[in-house]
Structures are given as C-alpha cells and as structure tokens.
N, C-alpha and C. Protein backbone atom coordinates (compact mmCIF):
# COMPACT_ATOMS: atom_id res chain seq x y z
N ILE A 1 0.86 -1.17 0.00
CA ILE A 1 0.00 0.00 0.00
C ILE A 1 0.90 1.23 0.00
N ASN A 2 0.76 2.04 -1.02
CA ASN A 2 1.58 3.25 -1.03
C ASN A 2 0.77 4.45 -0.50
N LYS A 3 1.45 5.57 -0.33
CA LYS A 3 0.82 6.77 0.23
C LYS A 3 -0.29 7.30 -0.67
N THR A 4 -0.13 7.17 -1.97
CA THR A 4 -1.15 7.64 -2.90
C THR A 4 -2.46 6.86 -2.70
N LEU A 5 -2.35 5.55 -2.52
CA LEU A 5 -3.55 4.74 -2.28
C LEU A 5 -4.17 5.10 -0.93
N GLU A 6 -3.33 5.28 0.08
CA GLU A 6 -3.86 5.69 1.38
C GLU A 6 -4.65 6.98 1.26
N LYS A 7 -4.11 7.93 0.53
CA LYS A 7 -4.78 9.22 0.35
C LYS A 7 -6.07 9.06 -0.47
N MET A 8 -6.00 8.26 -1.53
CA MET A 8 -7.15 8.06 -2.41
C MET A 8 -8.32 7.41 -1.68
N LEU A 9 -8.04 6.35 -0.91
CA LEU A 9 -9.10 5.58 -0.28
C LEU A 9 -9.33 5.91 1.19
N GLY A 10 -8.38 6.58 1.81
CA GLY A 10 -8.55 6.97 3.21
C GLY A 10 -8.16 5.91 4.22
N TYR A 11 -7.72 4.76 3.76
CA TYR A 11 -7.30 3.68 4.66
C TYR A 11 -5.79 3.76 4.87
N GLN A 12 -5.37 3.41 6.05
CA GLN A 12 -3.95 3.34 6.35
C GLN A 12 -3.45 1.94 5.98
N GLU A 13 -2.19 1.83 5.76
CA GLU A 13 -1.56 0.56 5.38
C GLU A 13 -1.96 -0.58 6.31
N ASN A 14 -1.92 -0.33 7.64
CA ASN A 14 -2.20 -1.41 8.60
C ASN A 14 -3.66 -1.87 8.56
N GLU A 15 -4.56 -1.10 7.94
CA GLU A 15 -5.97 -1.50 7.85
C GLU A 15 -6.22 -2.44 6.68
N LEU A 16 -5.28 -2.51 5.74
CA LEU A 16 -5.49 -3.33 4.54
C LEU A 16 -4.49 -4.46 4.39
N ILE A 17 -3.26 -4.26 4.83
CA ILE A 17 -2.23 -5.28 4.68
C ILE A 17 -2.64 -6.54 5.44
N GLY A 18 -2.46 -7.67 4.77
CA GLY A 18 -2.74 -8.96 5.40
C GLY A 18 -4.17 -9.44 5.20
N ARG A 19 -5.04 -8.60 4.67
CA ARG A 19 -6.43 -9.00 4.44
C ARG A 19 -6.55 -9.65 3.08
N SER A 20 -7.50 -10.54 2.97
CA SER A 20 -7.77 -11.16 1.67
C SER A 20 -8.26 -10.09 0.71
N ALA A 21 -7.73 -10.12 -0.51
CA ALA A 21 -8.15 -9.15 -1.52
C ALA A 21 -9.66 -9.23 -1.76
N LEU A 22 -10.23 -10.44 -1.59
CA LEU A 22 -11.67 -10.61 -1.81
C LEU A 22 -12.52 -9.99 -0.71
N GLU A 23 -11.90 -9.63 0.39
CA GLU A 23 -12.65 -9.08 1.52
C GLU A 23 -12.28 -7.64 1.88
N LEU A 24 -11.57 -6.96 1.00
CA LEU A 24 -11.18 -5.58 1.29
C LEU A 24 -12.43 -4.70 1.41
N PRO A 25 -12.47 -3.81 2.37
CA PRO A 25 -13.64 -2.96 2.56
C PRO A 25 -13.91 -2.02 1.40
N THR A 26 -12.91 -1.76 0.60
CA THR A 26 -13.09 -0.87 -0.55
C THR A 26 -14.03 -1.46 -1.59
N TYR A 27 -14.14 -2.79 -1.61
CA TYR A 27 -15.01 -3.46 -2.58
C TYR A 27 -16.23 -4.07 -1.92
N ARG A 28 -16.09 -4.48 -0.68
CA ARG A 28 -17.15 -5.23 0.00
C ARG A 28 -18.47 -4.46 0.03
N ARG A 29 -18.42 -3.12 0.16
CA ARG A 29 -19.64 -2.32 0.22
C ARG A 29 -19.97 -1.66 -1.12
N SER A 30 -19.19 -1.92 -2.13
CA SER A 30 -19.37 -1.29 -3.44
C SER A 30 -20.53 -1.92 -4.21
N ARG A 31 -21.16 -1.11 -5.05
CA ARG A 31 -22.21 -1.66 -5.93
C ARG A 31 -21.60 -2.64 -6.93
N ASP A 32 -20.28 -2.54 -7.14
CA ASP A 32 -19.57 -3.44 -8.04
C ASP A 32 -18.93 -4.61 -7.29
N LYS A 33 -19.46 -4.93 -6.12
CA LYS A 33 -18.88 -5.98 -5.28
C LYS A 33 -18.73 -7.30 -6.05
N GLU A 34 -19.77 -7.72 -6.72
CA GLU A 34 -19.70 -9.00 -7.44
C GLU A 34 -18.76 -8.92 -8.64
N LYS A 35 -18.75 -7.78 -9.29
CA LYS A 35 -17.82 -7.57 -10.41
C LYS A 35 -16.38 -7.67 -9.90
N ALA A 36 -16.11 -7.04 -8.76
CA ALA A 36 -14.77 -7.07 -8.17
C ALA A 36 -14.38 -8.49 -7.76
N ARG A 37 -15.30 -9.19 -7.09
CA ARG A 37 -15.01 -10.57 -6.66
C ARG A 37 -14.72 -11.46 -7.86
N SER A 38 -15.54 -11.36 -8.88
CA SER A 38 -15.37 -12.17 -10.08
C SER A 38 -14.03 -11.86 -10.75
N HIS A 39 -13.69 -10.58 -10.85
CA HIS A 39 -12.43 -10.19 -11.48
C HIS A 39 -11.23 -10.66 -10.66
N LEU A 40 -11.30 -10.49 -9.34
CA LEU A 40 -10.19 -10.93 -8.48
C LEU A 40 -10.01 -12.45 -8.57
N LYS A 41 -11.09 -13.18 -8.60
CA LYS A 41 -10.99 -14.64 -8.73
C LYS A 41 -10.32 -15.01 -10.06
N LYS A 42 -10.69 -14.31 -11.13
CA LYS A 42 -10.08 -14.57 -12.43
C LYS A 42 -8.58 -14.27 -12.39
N VAL A 43 -8.20 -13.18 -11.75
CA VAL A 43 -6.79 -12.82 -11.63
C VAL A 43 -6.04 -13.90 -10.85
N ILE A 44 -6.62 -14.36 -9.74
CA ILE A 44 -5.98 -15.38 -8.90
C ILE A 44 -5.84 -16.70 -9.67
N GLU A 45 -6.88 -17.08 -10.41
CA GLU A 45 -6.84 -18.34 -11.17
C GLU A 45 -5.88 -18.27 -12.36
N LYS A 46 -5.93 -17.17 -13.12
CA LYS A 46 -5.16 -17.09 -14.36
C LYS A 46 -3.82 -16.37 -14.20
N GLY A 47 -3.63 -15.69 -13.10
CA GLY A 47 -2.38 -14.96 -12.89
C GLY A 47 -2.48 -13.49 -13.22
N SER A 48 -3.40 -13.14 -14.14
CA SER A 48 -3.62 -11.73 -14.49
C SER A 48 -4.92 -11.65 -15.29
N ALA A 49 -5.36 -10.45 -15.51
CA ALA A 49 -6.57 -10.21 -16.31
C ALA A 49 -6.51 -8.77 -16.83
N GLU A 50 -7.29 -8.49 -17.85
CA GLU A 50 -7.36 -7.14 -18.40
C GLU A 50 -7.86 -6.18 -17.32
N PRO A 51 -7.42 -4.93 -17.37
CA PRO A 51 -7.92 -3.94 -16.40
C PRO A 51 -9.43 -3.75 -16.54
N ILE A 52 -10.07 -3.42 -15.44
CA ILE A 52 -11.50 -3.14 -15.48
C ILE A 52 -11.77 -1.80 -14.79
N ASP A 53 -12.84 -1.17 -15.22
CA ASP A 53 -13.34 0.02 -14.53
C ASP A 53 -14.43 -0.44 -13.58
N MET A 54 -14.39 0.09 -12.37
CA MET A 54 -15.38 -0.27 -11.36
C MET A 54 -15.41 0.83 -10.31
N SER A 55 -16.22 0.65 -9.30
CA SER A 55 -16.24 1.64 -8.22
C SER A 55 -15.62 1.04 -6.97
N ALA A 56 -15.06 1.91 -6.15
CA ALA A 56 -14.51 1.52 -4.85
C ALA A 56 -15.10 2.47 -3.82
N ILE A 57 -15.14 2.03 -2.59
CA ILE A 57 -15.68 2.84 -1.50
C ILE A 57 -14.51 3.30 -0.63
N THR A 58 -14.46 4.61 -0.40
CA THR A 58 -13.42 5.15 0.46
C THR A 58 -13.79 4.89 1.92
N LYS A 59 -12.86 5.10 2.80
CA LYS A 59 -13.10 4.86 4.22
C LYS A 59 -14.26 5.70 4.75
N ASP A 60 -14.41 6.91 4.20
CA ASP A 60 -15.52 7.76 4.67
C ASP A 60 -16.83 7.49 3.93
N GLY A 61 -16.87 6.41 3.13
CA GLY A 61 -18.12 5.97 2.50
C GLY A 61 -18.39 6.55 1.12
N LYS A 62 -17.48 7.33 0.60
CA LYS A 62 -17.66 7.93 -0.72
C LYS A 62 -17.33 6.90 -1.80
N GLU A 63 -18.16 6.87 -2.84
CA GLU A 63 -17.91 5.97 -3.96
C GLU A 63 -17.09 6.71 -5.02
N ILE A 64 -16.01 6.09 -5.48
CA ILE A 64 -15.20 6.70 -6.53
C ILE A 64 -14.97 5.70 -7.66
N PRO A 65 -14.91 6.19 -8.90
CA PRO A 65 -14.63 5.29 -10.02
C PRO A 65 -13.12 5.02 -10.09
N ILE A 66 -12.77 3.77 -10.30
CA ILE A 66 -11.36 3.39 -10.39
C ILE A 66 -11.13 2.48 -11.58
N SER A 67 -9.88 2.44 -12.01
CA SER A 67 -9.43 1.43 -12.96
C SER A 67 -8.58 0.47 -12.14
N PHE A 68 -8.87 -0.82 -12.26
CA PHE A 68 -8.22 -1.83 -11.43
C PHE A 68 -7.46 -2.79 -12.33
N THR A 69 -6.16 -2.92 -12.08
CA THR A 69 -5.30 -3.86 -12.80
C THR A 69 -4.58 -4.69 -11.75
N ALA A 70 -4.51 -6.00 -11.97
CA ALA A 70 -3.84 -6.85 -10.98
C ALA A 70 -3.18 -8.05 -11.64
N SER A 71 -2.19 -8.57 -10.95
CA SER A 71 -1.56 -9.83 -11.35
C SER A 71 -1.11 -10.54 -10.08
N VAL A 72 -0.84 -11.81 -10.23
CA VAL A 72 -0.47 -12.65 -9.09
C VAL A 72 0.97 -13.11 -9.24
N ILE A 73 1.69 -13.09 -8.14
CA ILE A 73 3.03 -13.66 -8.10
C ILE A 73 2.88 -15.04 -7.48
N LYS A 74 3.36 -16.06 -8.18
CA LYS A 74 3.20 -17.44 -7.71
C LYS A 74 4.53 -17.99 -7.20
N ASP A 75 4.42 -19.00 -6.34
CA ASP A 75 5.64 -19.65 -5.84
C ASP A 75 6.15 -20.65 -6.88
N TYR A 76 7.21 -21.33 -6.56
CA TYR A 76 7.83 -22.27 -7.51
C TYR A 76 6.92 -23.44 -7.88
N GLN A 77 5.89 -23.70 -7.08
CA GLN A 77 4.93 -24.77 -7.39
C GLN A 77 3.72 -24.25 -8.15
N GLY A 78 3.72 -22.96 -8.42
CA GLY A 78 2.61 -22.37 -9.16
C GLY A 78 1.44 -21.93 -8.30
N LYS A 79 1.64 -21.91 -6.98
CA LYS A 79 0.56 -21.48 -6.09
C LYS A 79 0.62 -19.97 -5.90
N PRO A 80 -0.54 -19.29 -5.94
CA PRO A 80 -0.56 -17.84 -5.74
C PRO A 80 -0.01 -17.46 -4.37
N GLN A 81 0.88 -16.48 -4.36
CA GLN A 81 1.48 -16.03 -3.10
C GLN A 81 1.14 -14.56 -2.80
N THR A 82 1.22 -13.72 -3.81
CA THR A 82 1.04 -12.29 -3.60
C THR A 82 0.23 -11.69 -4.75
N LEU A 83 -0.69 -10.81 -4.41
CA LEU A 83 -1.46 -10.07 -5.41
C LEU A 83 -0.85 -8.69 -5.52
N VAL A 84 -0.51 -8.31 -6.75
CA VAL A 84 0.02 -6.98 -7.01
C VAL A 84 -1.06 -6.24 -7.81
N ALA A 85 -1.50 -5.11 -7.29
CA ALA A 85 -2.58 -4.38 -7.95
C ALA A 85 -2.21 -2.92 -8.15
N VAL A 86 -2.74 -2.37 -9.22
CA VAL A 86 -2.61 -0.93 -9.49
C VAL A 86 -4.03 -0.39 -9.58
N ILE A 87 -4.30 0.59 -8.75
CA ILE A 87 -5.63 1.21 -8.72
C ILE A 87 -5.46 2.68 -9.06
N ARG A 88 -6.22 3.11 -10.06
CA ARG A 88 -6.16 4.52 -10.47
C ARG A 88 -7.52 5.15 -10.28
N ASP A 89 -7.55 6.33 -9.71
CA ASP A 89 -8.78 7.11 -9.60
C ASP A 89 -9.07 7.67 -10.99
N ILE A 90 -10.21 7.31 -11.56
CA ILE A 90 -10.55 7.76 -12.91
C ILE A 90 -11.72 8.75 -12.87
N SER A 91 -11.88 9.45 -11.75
CA SER A 91 -12.96 10.43 -11.62
C SER A 91 -12.90 11.48 -12.71
N GLU A 92 -11.73 12.02 -12.99
CA GLU A 92 -11.60 13.06 -14.01
C GLU A 92 -11.99 12.52 -15.37
N ARG A 93 -11.53 11.31 -15.69
CA ARG A 93 -11.86 10.71 -16.98
C ARG A 93 -13.36 10.51 -17.11
N LYS A 94 -14.00 10.03 -16.04
CA LYS A 94 -15.45 9.81 -16.06
C LYS A 94 -16.20 11.13 -16.23
N ARG A 95 -15.73 12.21 -15.56
CA ARG A 95 -16.36 13.52 -15.73
C ARG A 95 -16.22 14.01 -17.17
N ALA A 96 -15.04 13.81 -17.75
CA ALA A 96 -14.81 14.22 -19.13
C ALA A 96 -15.69 13.43 -20.10
N GLU A 97 -15.83 12.12 -19.86
CA GLU A 97 -16.69 11.30 -20.71
C GLU A 97 -18.14 11.76 -20.62
N GLU A 98 -18.60 12.07 -19.41
CA GLU A 98 -19.97 12.54 -19.21
C GLU A 98 -20.19 13.89 -19.90
N ALA A 99 -19.21 14.79 -19.78
CA ALA A 99 -19.32 16.10 -20.43
C ALA A 99 -19.36 15.93 -21.95
N LEU A 100 -18.56 15.02 -22.47
CA LEU A 100 -18.56 14.76 -23.91
C LEU A 100 -19.91 14.21 -24.36
N ARG A 101 -20.48 13.25 -23.61
CA ARG A 101 -21.80 12.71 -23.94
C ARG A 101 -22.85 13.81 -23.93
N ASP A 102 -22.82 14.67 -22.90
CA ASP A 102 -23.78 15.77 -22.82
C ASP A 102 -23.64 16.71 -24.00
N SER A 103 -22.40 17.02 -24.35
CA SER A 103 -22.13 17.92 -25.47
C SER A 103 -22.61 17.30 -26.79
N GLU A 104 -22.36 16.00 -26.96
CA GLU A 104 -22.81 15.32 -28.18
C GLU A 104 -24.32 15.31 -28.27
N GLU A 105 -25.01 15.08 -27.14
CA GLU A 105 -26.47 15.09 -27.14
C GLU A 105 -27.00 16.48 -27.48
N LEU A 106 -26.39 17.51 -26.91
CA LEU A 106 -26.81 18.88 -27.20
C LEU A 106 -26.59 19.21 -28.67
N SER A 107 -25.42 18.86 -29.19
CA SER A 107 -25.12 19.13 -30.60
C SER A 107 -26.08 18.40 -31.51
N ARG A 108 -26.34 17.14 -31.21
CA ARG A 108 -27.26 16.36 -32.04
C ARG A 108 -28.66 16.97 -31.99
N GLY A 109 -29.09 17.40 -30.81
CA GLY A 109 -30.40 18.03 -30.68
C GLY A 109 -30.49 19.31 -31.50
N MET A 110 -29.42 20.10 -31.48
CA MET A 110 -29.40 21.34 -32.25
C MET A 110 -29.41 21.05 -33.75
N LEU A 111 -28.67 20.05 -34.18
CA LEU A 111 -28.64 19.69 -35.60
C LEU A 111 -30.01 19.20 -36.06
N GLU A 112 -30.66 18.42 -35.22
CA GLU A 112 -31.98 17.88 -35.58
C GLU A 112 -33.04 18.97 -35.64
N ALA A 113 -32.92 19.98 -34.77
CA ALA A 113 -33.92 21.05 -34.71
C ALA A 113 -33.65 22.16 -35.72
N ALA A 114 -32.51 22.11 -36.38
CA ALA A 114 -32.16 23.18 -37.33
C ALA A 114 -33.19 23.27 -38.44
N MET A 115 -33.42 24.48 -38.91
CA MET A 115 -34.39 24.72 -39.97
C MET A 115 -33.72 24.71 -41.34
N THR A 116 -32.65 23.96 -41.45
CA THR A 116 -31.94 23.80 -42.71
C THR A 116 -31.42 22.36 -42.79
N GLY A 117 -31.25 21.89 -44.00
CA GLY A 117 -30.69 20.55 -44.15
C GLY A 117 -29.20 20.58 -43.84
N ILE A 118 -28.76 19.64 -42.99
CA ILE A 118 -27.36 19.61 -42.57
C ILE A 118 -26.81 18.21 -42.78
N TYR A 119 -25.59 18.16 -43.29
CA TYR A 119 -24.91 16.89 -43.42
C TYR A 119 -23.46 17.06 -42.99
N LEU A 120 -22.84 15.98 -42.53
CA LEU A 120 -21.44 15.98 -42.15
C LEU A 120 -20.72 14.95 -43.01
N LEU A 121 -19.56 15.37 -43.52
CA LEU A 121 -18.75 14.50 -44.39
C LEU A 121 -17.43 14.17 -43.73
N GLN A 122 -16.93 13.00 -44.06
CA GLN A 122 -15.57 12.64 -43.71
C GLN A 122 -15.00 11.91 -44.91
N GLU A 123 -13.92 12.46 -45.47
CA GLU A 123 -13.30 11.90 -46.67
C GLU A 123 -14.31 11.71 -47.79
N GLY A 124 -15.21 12.69 -47.93
CA GLY A 124 -16.18 12.67 -49.01
C GLY A 124 -17.41 11.82 -48.77
N ARG A 125 -17.41 11.06 -47.68
CA ARG A 125 -18.56 10.19 -47.39
C ARG A 125 -19.46 10.85 -46.34
N LEU A 126 -20.76 10.66 -46.51
CA LEU A 126 -21.72 11.19 -45.56
C LEU A 126 -21.63 10.41 -44.24
N GLN A 127 -21.47 11.14 -43.14
CA GLN A 127 -21.38 10.53 -41.82
C GLN A 127 -22.63 10.79 -40.99
N TYR A 128 -23.33 11.88 -41.33
CA TYR A 128 -24.53 12.27 -40.58
C TYR A 128 -25.39 13.14 -41.49
N VAL A 129 -26.69 12.95 -41.40
CA VAL A 129 -27.65 13.86 -42.04
C VAL A 129 -28.76 14.10 -41.04
N ASN A 130 -29.27 15.35 -41.00
CA ASN A 130 -30.37 15.61 -40.09
C ASN A 130 -31.70 15.29 -40.78
N ARG A 131 -32.76 15.38 -40.01
CA ARG A 131 -34.10 15.03 -40.49
C ARG A 131 -34.50 15.87 -41.70
N LEU A 132 -34.23 17.16 -41.66
CA LEU A 132 -34.61 18.04 -42.76
C LEU A 132 -33.83 17.69 -44.03
N PHE A 133 -32.57 17.31 -43.90
CA PHE A 133 -31.81 16.89 -45.07
C PHE A 133 -32.44 15.64 -45.69
N GLU A 134 -32.92 14.72 -44.85
CA GLU A 134 -33.62 13.54 -45.36
C GLU A 134 -34.85 13.96 -46.17
N GLU A 135 -35.61 14.90 -45.62
CA GLU A 135 -36.83 15.37 -46.31
C GLU A 135 -36.49 16.04 -47.64
N ILE A 136 -35.46 16.88 -47.63
CA ILE A 136 -35.07 17.60 -48.84
C ILE A 136 -34.57 16.62 -49.91
N SER A 137 -33.74 15.67 -49.50
CA SER A 137 -33.12 14.75 -50.48
C SER A 137 -34.04 13.61 -50.88
N GLY A 138 -34.99 13.26 -50.01
CA GLY A 138 -35.85 12.12 -50.31
C GLY A 138 -35.25 10.78 -49.93
N TYR A 139 -34.06 10.81 -49.32
CA TYR A 139 -33.39 9.59 -48.87
C TYR A 139 -33.43 9.53 -47.34
N THR A 140 -33.36 8.32 -46.80
CA THR A 140 -33.25 8.16 -45.35
C THR A 140 -31.78 8.21 -44.96
N SER A 141 -31.52 8.47 -43.69
CA SER A 141 -30.12 8.49 -43.24
C SER A 141 -29.47 7.12 -43.45
N ASP A 142 -30.23 6.03 -43.29
CA ASP A 142 -29.67 4.70 -43.52
C ASP A 142 -29.20 4.53 -44.96
N GLU A 143 -29.92 5.15 -45.91
CA GLU A 143 -29.53 5.06 -47.31
C GLU A 143 -28.32 5.95 -47.62
N LEU A 144 -28.18 7.05 -46.89
CA LEU A 144 -27.15 8.03 -47.18
C LEU A 144 -25.81 7.78 -46.48
N ILE A 145 -25.86 7.38 -45.22
CA ILE A 145 -24.64 7.27 -44.42
C ILE A 145 -23.66 6.29 -45.06
N GLY A 146 -22.42 6.76 -45.23
CA GLY A 146 -21.37 5.92 -45.81
C GLY A 146 -21.22 6.06 -47.30
N THR A 147 -22.16 6.76 -47.96
CA THR A 147 -22.07 6.93 -49.40
C THR A 147 -21.32 8.22 -49.72
N TYR A 148 -20.82 8.32 -50.96
CA TYR A 148 -20.11 9.52 -51.38
C TYR A 148 -21.11 10.63 -51.68
N SER A 149 -20.86 11.80 -51.14
CA SER A 149 -21.78 12.92 -51.32
C SER A 149 -21.91 13.32 -52.79
N LEU A 150 -20.82 13.25 -53.54
CA LEU A 150 -20.88 13.67 -54.95
C LEU A 150 -21.72 12.72 -55.80
N ASP A 151 -22.03 11.54 -55.30
CA ASP A 151 -22.91 10.62 -56.04
C ASP A 151 -24.31 11.21 -56.18
N TYR A 152 -24.65 12.20 -55.36
CA TYR A 152 -25.99 12.79 -55.38
C TYR A 152 -26.01 14.12 -56.13
N VAL A 153 -24.89 14.45 -56.75
CA VAL A 153 -24.78 15.67 -57.54
C VAL A 153 -24.82 15.27 -59.01
N HIS A 154 -25.54 16.04 -59.83
CA HIS A 154 -25.63 15.75 -61.26
C HIS A 154 -24.22 15.67 -61.84
N PRO A 155 -23.95 14.67 -62.71
CA PRO A 155 -22.60 14.50 -63.26
C PRO A 155 -22.02 15.76 -63.90
N ASP A 156 -22.86 16.58 -64.53
CA ASP A 156 -22.37 17.81 -65.17
C ASP A 156 -21.89 18.83 -64.13
N ASP A 157 -22.34 18.72 -62.86
CA ASP A 157 -22.02 19.70 -61.82
C ASP A 157 -20.97 19.21 -60.82
N ARG A 158 -20.58 17.97 -60.89
CA ARG A 158 -19.70 17.38 -59.86
C ARG A 158 -18.37 18.10 -59.71
N GLU A 159 -17.69 18.38 -60.80
CA GLU A 159 -16.38 19.01 -60.70
C GLU A 159 -16.49 20.42 -60.11
N ARG A 160 -17.50 21.17 -60.53
CA ARG A 160 -17.70 22.52 -60.01
C ARG A 160 -18.01 22.48 -58.51
N VAL A 161 -18.85 21.54 -58.08
CA VAL A 161 -19.20 21.39 -56.66
C VAL A 161 -17.97 20.97 -55.85
N ARG A 162 -17.19 20.03 -56.39
CA ARG A 162 -15.99 19.56 -55.70
C ARG A 162 -14.98 20.71 -55.53
N THR A 163 -14.75 21.46 -56.59
CA THR A 163 -13.83 22.59 -56.54
C THR A 163 -14.31 23.65 -55.55
N LYS A 164 -15.60 23.94 -55.56
CA LYS A 164 -16.17 24.93 -54.64
C LYS A 164 -16.02 24.44 -53.19
N ALA A 165 -16.27 23.17 -52.94
CA ALA A 165 -16.16 22.62 -51.58
C ALA A 165 -14.72 22.71 -51.08
N ILE A 166 -13.76 22.43 -51.93
CA ILE A 166 -12.35 22.53 -51.55
C ILE A 166 -12.02 23.98 -51.19
N GLY A 167 -12.52 24.92 -51.99
CA GLY A 167 -12.30 26.33 -51.71
C GLY A 167 -12.88 26.75 -50.37
N VAL A 168 -14.05 26.26 -50.04
CA VAL A 168 -14.68 26.56 -48.74
C VAL A 168 -13.83 25.99 -47.62
N LEU A 169 -13.38 24.75 -47.77
CA LEU A 169 -12.56 24.11 -46.73
C LEU A 169 -11.23 24.82 -46.53
N LYS A 170 -10.69 25.40 -47.59
CA LYS A 170 -9.42 26.14 -47.48
C LYS A 170 -9.64 27.57 -47.02
N GLY A 171 -10.89 27.96 -46.81
CA GLY A 171 -11.19 29.31 -46.36
C GLY A 171 -11.13 30.33 -47.47
N GLN A 172 -11.13 29.88 -48.72
CA GLN A 172 -11.04 30.80 -49.85
C GLN A 172 -12.39 31.32 -50.28
N SER A 173 -13.45 30.70 -49.79
CA SER A 173 -14.80 31.12 -50.16
C SER A 173 -15.77 30.68 -49.09
N SER A 174 -16.86 31.40 -48.95
CA SER A 174 -17.89 30.97 -48.01
C SER A 174 -19.27 31.03 -48.67
N SER A 175 -19.31 31.44 -49.93
CA SER A 175 -20.61 31.53 -50.61
C SER A 175 -21.05 30.14 -51.06
N PRO A 176 -22.36 29.94 -51.18
CA PRO A 176 -22.87 28.63 -51.60
C PRO A 176 -22.46 28.27 -53.01
C-alpha cells in the first residue's frame, strides 16, 4: 500500500495489509462488489486479467470510479502467493466522458432542430444527415450514411461542386 492509495481511499496501510483481496472494505460495500469478486478470482486463477473500470468505497463511504489492474506472483509450485494491484482514480476521466456525452447530445439536438438541411462529411462520405436533409433529399439516413456525397450531384455539376467545396474548406470562399 503506497501513500497515494492511502490518500485516495482513506485507509492506512495497517488496515489493509494482510487482508484477503476478496474481503477488502473498498469493494465489500461497493455496488460493483460481485464484479470485483469475479475479477479478483479470475486474476488469482489465471495470474492476471485485463484492467476493469469499477467503483470503490473510500473509508468515509464515498464511492469513486477506479481502474483496477492486478496480477499474481506465484511460488515455484505455481501457487498464488502475492497479489500486485494498481488502482487509479478515474474520476476526471469519467467527468470528461460525461461532459462529452452531454455535449454530443446537445449538438445532435441542435442539428436535428435546425431549420436547414445539414450533413457531415468525412473523406467525401456522408457521416450524418439531419431530419430536414432527409426530407429535402428524399433519402433516409440509412440510405445516405457511408455513401459519397458527390454521387448525389448531377454528373455535369460534380467538378464545379468539388472545386467549390475545396475552396470553402481552405477558407477561400464561403458563398454557396
């Protein structure tokens, strides 16, 4: 137990050292108790496992999101002797993920409510179209997504549209 873990969870070294990993108070009261038990058993049986995100309970009862990575050191007969774990507080990452989800929902809502047809391209392919664009084009988003945007432009106009779009992207023009 290092000082960072003591500070993160509020437990002192003597409160955790020597206890079974399956019975640590940080997991025993967690909503992810069964997830933690299952993961720890897998680590003990296999020697290691992929990191997982879960919650841990601090000594003062606060729930915090953590990333948990562990491996087992075995004796010469292959019996588990020591569990080595790395626990990271991922509160900031979780807050950033939530903010990103909220922002994406807000942006999508604004795009859907727009009174103009809107589409998003990546490498010339349609990645998103709003409801009004579907109405204007007569195609559904399922029909449009992944297709080349210039496929929907009359062949006589494709080169002019492509050149104009490049100019807009380079900041050389903003007119339609």
